[in-house]
Amino acid sequence: MNSSTASAGTRRMPDHRANRRVTSADLRNSVGNRLESAFRGHLESALRAYAGVLFCTSPRLGAWLAAITWCAPRAAAAGTLALLASMLWARLFSLEKSGEGHLVNSLLAGLCLGAFHAFDSVLAGWLLAASLLTTLLTHALAGPLWQLARLPVLSLPFVLGSWAVSLGAHQSFSLSMTGTTLNHLAGPSFGSWGDAFFTALGWLLLVPYPLAGALIFAGLIAASRYLALLALAGYLAGQLVIALLAHGDTQATGFNFMLASMALGGTFAVPGRLSFAVALGGGALAAALVLMLAAPLGAQGLSLLTLPFILAVYLWLAALGSRVHSGSLQLRLAHPGDPESAFAAERLGRARGLAGDSIDSIPLAVPFYGEWQVTQGFDGEHTHQASWQHALDFEIFADDAPGSGNGDAREDYFCFGAPVLAPAAGTVVATVDHLPDCRPGEADLANNWGNHVLIRTAGGVYVLLAHLRQHSLCVQPGAWVTVGERIAACGSSGRSPVPHLHLQVQSTAALGSPTLPFHLVNVIVRQADAESEFRLCHRPTQGEAIAGVQRDEVLAQAMVPTVGMATHYRLPSGGQASLRAELTLLGQARLHCDNGTQHASCAFDGQGASLAAYDRQGPRSPLLDTWLLALGLSALSSAAQSWRDAPALELWPLAPWQRALVALLYPLGAAGRSHYQRHWDLAEQCWRIDGTHHFTLLPGLRALHWQATTHAWVAPGQGVRRLHVSMDDRCWLAHLESPTH
């Protein structure tokens, strides 16, 4: 090796070693990041388990409750060990994807065991056994309970597991909810009734002290004031039952009244007057079950634990779930959650025609071109009665007349021969095409439905279009039709004194079977002496003029966020924030707003003839909130120029004192009344959407009437160019910079 080669080799070696050091450092950082991410994930799951005891998901509340459990150190340590063991068992058996119910149940089992036994090796062994048993029971019971009656697991594994451990461990130690082994915790007194209430709440986490219960209640108020109200109401209902039927001490069982009320009124049902009444009934039933079960279980050496709460909730949910129609009480067994979010979603859905009766209603597209008038609606006075009450009849009117001439001929009617479209996608299961059309004033009573097409939808219901024109059908049985496909022409066959189109949804394929509720989507509604308005969902009534809208692709491309693309805006402060659309693992489109320090998002649907946003999550975000207030519901058709919505008041640019008043008077949140109008701005060469938003804090007080305005400029090929919101002397403006992938 010559000197130059040696020199070169000497120079290369440090670079090579440096590369190896960088690679090792990157590897260590990558491993460290993964470990940190895993630790944070497990920590968040553990904290959510603590919060889950009170039907909440907030990690902050979980941390607060976890700290409170240390008022009883033995119980707290045992609960923590059982929780960690449950995580281990779930990981070992790959059960963690089934949710965190096993963590809640194992936590409760650990708290219960630790409260009444010294912390030693015997207890540690039984904690491992109890956590394994509750983990397996949670996942084993989830499927059968849901298939049986769509019931949640709740804390049933905790009860069964604790009973099994109690029966199996009676030789080593005994378990009883007497509290004789718990140390007394000194603290302030809240009066006799307050001490009883807070002590009963404290028993839920095995810290039966007034101060601990008061701290738990404070955390619950911070997480959900409505759940706190339900806990108090349920306790009062239960205490009333106890006072009427017996005079026992319920401090160790009173939390059952609270849990039943919280579950029925706030977690598994949309908040409302009826669900609140059911919540009171749940608390009362739980109290009655305490009286009925205490003696039989006590004779076997078993404690009630949360069994009264479980049975009360199961009985109510099973009964409510068997209803033919949900009515005004909406259950949400498949997606339980906090009552505030459920109420906000139901309130927004009701404003858009998606809540209330339409929960059990079948959505259909408008089955014709142009504007038709409803001549007979639901519960119509002529033929839409009894089992056939859910049906609509349509005709075409011009100058308040259904036709020209003297009306003696079928052809005099504007609707006769007009195209009929498929209102839903599905399979054609039955058709009749050969019956003659009746002359005006006559009817074929032997063939009530006349010529018709019956379509079976993917949901298993049947859509019937009747009184069609003879030999006009374009489809045959077995054919698949898409929404908006031409299938026939309007006629006057069957029981049809005048030409018209009959539309109904029925439960079976048999003609004349009971009808089902339905509604139309993406329609323009015109009532007498009123302007035309776009409705996302609408159930027409007699006398209304209805027209379907078609998606305007140029408008849709400008308004609907594109998945994978970020749009950057300049803010009044000189900073920047971006809106980026992404798909979740379940296929939901969400719009994310990131200003560098905070992150908020909302879901949106822009597939049809409208853009509809919902499910707002995260902290306040001026850009996202303005976008939602200005564009949260928008028609994607140039034919729709006016519509209404009810966005949440949290989106408004309220002053701090205004937000405080709303929070005080409306614990479940509130919404304003919004009216939108769209027109083409010649000067800006874009669409301009102007929104006016009204809200009255208290009915009858004009001084507390608030108003805000929004403006959005939407340019073809560019998108939402500007957003503006103003209220009183406060305003906010964002300018589009550029979209990026």
Foldseek 3Di string as FASTA:
>chain_A
DDPVVVVVVVVVVVVVVVVVVVVVVVVVVVVVVVVVVVVVVLLLLLLQLQVVLLQARDSVLSVLSLVLLCLFVQLSVQLVLLLVLLVVLCVVVVNPVVDSPLSNLLSQLSSQLRLFDDPDPVSSVLSNVLSNQLSVCQVVVQVVVCVVQLDHPNNVSSQVSNVVSQVVCVVPPHGDLPSPSTDDDDDDDPDPVLLLLLLLQCLSSPRRGSVSSVSSLVSVCVRAVVLSVQLVLQLVLLVVLCVVPHDDRCSNPSSLSSLLLSCQQWWFKAHDDVSNVLSSVLSNQLSVVCVVVQVVQVVVSGYCNNVSSSVSNVVVSSVQSPDPANAPIGTDSVDTHGNLQSNQQQQQCVQQVCHGRNVQAAEWAQFAADKWAWAAAACGPPPLDDLNRHKTKIAHDDPNHQADDPQQAQVRGPQAFGWTWGGAWFFWADWDAAFAADTAQDAAQVAAFFTWTWGQHPVGKIKIKGQFHHPFAPDDGGDIHHGGHTGGGWGHHHGRNHTIIMIFIARDPDPPHGTTHYWYAFKWKDAPPDDIATHRIGRDHHRIMIHHFFADVLLLVQAPADAPKKWKKQWPVRAIKIWHWHADPVGWIKIWIDRPPWIWIWTWDSPGQKIAIGDTDTDDDLVVLLCCVQHNIGGRGPVHFKYKGWRFPSSAPDDPVVVVLQCVPPSSGGTWIKMWGWDQDPVVQFIKIKMKTWDASDPPDPVRIWIKMKMWTTHGPAHTAKIKIDTDPDIIIIGIDHMDD
